[in-house]
């Protein structure tokens, strides 16, 4: 997603690399601050609400970018902000789920496996989204996050 958004900002909107980097602040600030609040939310209510809310945001943000890749930065910035909030809600809650489900003595391995899967997904995402132009790339991200949300809902109903 970051690769496609960088290309969109630089090639589609004519931003310099520095301007494009600064344009990512709406995405990066929630990911820096949000996990503190997510930890409190998970402690109070469990991981289901933050994961679902985060996945909804991770569907909405890319969908907003897909629907309006030529829109002014205020619209793109709003999409990036929604994505940042989604990441800051989803990832810390998923770490909690994975580590809590790990057998005794394997929490580090489980956390490492989650990180490896996350990195592999990011690599595949770059490969797929890099082949698509602006709008369709973000639509692809929205669809994948929607599928993840559906899988989360279905799996949480079983257990």
Protein backbone atom coordinates (compact mmCIF):
# COMPACT_ATOMS: atom_id res chain seq x y z
CA UNK A 1 0.00 0.00 0.00
CA UNK A 2 2.81 2.39 0.87
CA UNK A 3 4.54 1.75 -2.44
CA UNK A 4 1.40 2.44 -4.47
CA UNK A 5 0.59 5.54 -2.41
CA UNK A 6 4.13 6.87 -2.88
CA UNK A 7 3.87 6.41 -6.65
CA UNK A 8 0.46 8.09 -6.61
CA UNK A 9 1.71 11.08 -4.64
CA UNK A 10 4.90 11.54 -6.66
CA UNK A 11 3.80 10.64 -10.17
CA UNK A 12 0.09 11.40 -9.97
CA UNK A 13 0.24 14.54 -7.85
CA UNK A 14 3.74 15.77 -8.71
CA UNK A 15 5.08 15.80 -5.16
CA UNK A 16 8.81 15.68 -4.48
CA UNK A 17 10.11 12.77 -2.39
CA UNK A 18 10.23 15.03 0.70
CA UNK A 19 6.69 16.27 0.12
CA UNK A 20 5.46 12.71 -0.42
CA UNK A 21 7.15 11.64 2.81
CA UNK A 22 5.50 14.47 4.70
CA UNK A 23 2.18 13.63 3.05
CA UNK A 24 2.33 10.27 4.85
CA UNK A 25 2.13 11.91 8.28
CA UNK A 26 -1.64 11.24 8.56
CA UNK A 27 -0.82 7.55 8.20
CA UNK A 28 2.27 7.40 10.39
CA UNK A 29 1.11 9.46 13.36
CA UNK A 30 -1.77 7.12 14.34
CA UNK A 31 0.54 4.12 14.01
CA UNK A 32 2.98 5.77 16.42
CA UNK A 33 0.44 6.88 19.03
CA UNK A 34 -2.52 4.54 18.55
CA UNK A 35 -1.12 1.26 19.96
CA UNK A 36 -1.10 2.76 23.47
CA UNK A 37 -4.85 3.29 23.22
CA UNK A 38 -5.35 -0.07 21.51
CA UNK A 39 -3.64 -1.83 24.41
CA UNK A 40 -6.07 -0.20 26.84
CA UNK A 41 -9.02 -1.10 24.61
CA UNK A 42 -7.88 -4.73 24.36
CA UNK A 43 -7.36 -4.93 28.13
CA UNK A 44 -10.84 -3.56 28.78
CA UNK A 45 -12.88 -5.26 26.05
CA UNK A 46 -10.74 -7.97 24.43
CA UNK A 47 -9.26 -8.00 20.92
CA UNK A 48 -12.46 -8.50 18.88
CA UNK A 49 -13.60 -4.86 18.80
CA UNK A 50 -10.20 -3.35 17.90
CA UNK A 51 -9.55 -5.95 15.20
CA UNK A 52 -12.99 -5.53 13.61
CA UNK A 53 -12.86 -1.74 13.83
CA UNK A 54 -9.32 -1.72 12.45
CA UNK A 55 -10.23 -4.00 9.56
CA UNK A 56 -13.23 -1.80 8.72
CA UNK A 57 -10.83 1.15 8.62
CA UNK A 58 -8.41 -0.87 6.49
CA UNK A 59 -11.22 -1.49 3.99
CA UNK A 60 -12.47 2.10 4.08
CA UNK A 61 -9.12 3.90 3.73
CA UNK A 62 -7.91 2.13 0.58
CA UNK A 63 -11.44 2.27 -0.86
CA UNK A 64 -11.37 6.04 -0.41
CA UNK A 65 -8.02 6.21 -2.19
CA UNK A 66 -9.29 3.90 -4.95
CA UNK A 67 -12.40 5.99 -5.51
CA UNK A 68 -10.52 9.25 -5.76
CA UNK A 69 -6.84 8.84 -6.79
CA UNK A 70 -6.89 12.23 -8.54
CA UNK A 71 -8.71 14.01 -5.70
CA UNK A 72 -7.03 16.83 -3.78
CA UNK A 73 -4.63 15.90 -1.01
CA UNK A 74 -7.23 16.59 1.68
CA UNK A 75 -9.19 13.55 0.44
CA UNK A 76 -6.07 11.41 0.05
CA UNK A 77 -4.85 12.53 3.48
CA UNK A 78 -8.17 11.46 4.99
CA UNK A 79 -7.77 8.03 3.40
CA UNK A 80 -4.23 7.75 4.76
CA UNK A 81 -5.43 8.78 8.23
CA UNK A 82 -8.13 6.09 8.18
CA UNK A 83 -5.53 3.51 7.14
CA UNK A 84 -3.21 4.63 9.96
CA UNK A 85 -6.00 4.27 12.50
CA UNK A 86 -6.82 0.83 11.09
CA UNK A 87 -3.23 -0.35 11.40
CA UNK A 88 -2.92 1.01 14.93
CA UNK A 89 -6.06 -0.85 16.00
CA UNK A 90 -5.54 -4.13 14.17
CA UNK A 91 -1.87 -5.07 14.56
CA UNK A 92 -1.47 -4.72 18.35
CA UNK A 93 -4.75 -6.57 18.92
CA UNK A 94 -3.67 -9.38 16.57
CA UNK A 95 -0.38 -9.73 18.43
CA UNK A 96 -2.38 -10.13 21.63
CA UNK A 97 -4.56 -12.83 20.04
CA UNK A 98 -1.61 -14.76 18.62
CA UNK A 99 0.52 -14.60 21.76
CA UNK A 100 -2.42 -15.53 24.01
CA UNK A 101 -3.26 -18.54 21.80
CA UNK A 102 0.32 -19.84 21.79
CA UNK A 103 1.12 -22.87 23.92
CA UNK A 104 3.12 -22.16 27.08
CA UNK A 105 6.71 -21.25 26.35
CA UNK A 106 6.12 -20.47 22.66
CA UNK A 107 4.87 -16.89 22.78
CA UNK A 108 8.10 -15.58 21.24
CA UNK A 109 7.90 -18.08 18.40
CA UNK A 110 4.25 -17.24 17.77
CA UNK A 111 4.99 -13.53 17.75
CA UNK A 112 7.92 -14.08 15.39
CA UNK A 113 5.75 -16.17 13.08
CA UNK A 114 3.10 -13.43 13.01
CA UNK A 115 5.78 -10.89 12.10
CA UNK A 116 7.17 -13.17 9.35
CA UNK A 117 3.68 -13.66 7.89
CA UNK A 118 3.05 -9.90 8.08
CA UNK A 119 6.32 -9.18 6.25
CA UNK A 120 5.55 -11.82 3.62
CA UNK A 121 2.11 -10.30 3.10
CA UNK A 122 3.65 -6.85 2.72
CA UNK A 123 6.12 -8.18 0.15
CA UNK A 124 3.38 -9.89 -1.85
CA UNK A 125 1.25 -6.77 -1.55
CA UNK A 126 4.00 -4.65 -3.07
CA UNK A 127 4.43 -7.14 -5.90
CA UNK A 128 0.72 -7.24 -6.70
CA UNK A 129 -0.07 -3.55 -6.15
CA UNK A 130 3.06 -2.50 -8.04
CA UNK A 131 1.60 -4.02 -11.20
CA UNK A 132 -1.64 -2.04 -10.92
CA UNK A 133 -2.23 1.66 -11.53
CA UNK A 134 -3.41 3.96 -8.68
CA UNK A 135 -7.13 3.33 -8.18
CA UNK A 136 -7.17 -0.43 -8.88
CA UNK A 137 -4.18 -0.95 -6.57
CA UNK A 138 -6.03 0.57 -3.65
CA UNK A 139 -9.21 -1.30 -4.56
CA UNK A 140 -7.17 -4.52 -4.41
CA UNK A 141 -6.01 -3.58 -0.89
CA UNK A 142 -9.58 -2.84 0.18
CA UNK A 143 -10.80 -6.19 -1.14
CA UNK A 144 -8.01 -8.10 0.61
CA UNK A 145 -8.73 -6.33 3.91
CA UNK A 146 -12.43 -7.04 3.43
CA UNK A 147 -11.65 -10.73 2.98
CA UNK A 148 -9.52 -10.66 6.13
CA UNK A 149 -12.38 -9.04 8.01
CA UNK A 150 -14.80 -11.71 6.80
CA UNK A 151 -12.40 -14.47 7.86
CA UNK A 152 -11.95 -12.83 11.28
CA UNK A 153 -15.71 -12.63 11.81
CA UNK A 154 -16.27 -16.22 10.71
CA UNK A 155 -13.42 -17.58 12.83
CA UNK A 156 -14.46 -15.63 15.92
CA UNK A 157 -17.99 -17.02 15.68
CA UNK A 158 -16.65 -20.56 15.81
CA UNK A 159 -14.42 -20.10 18.82
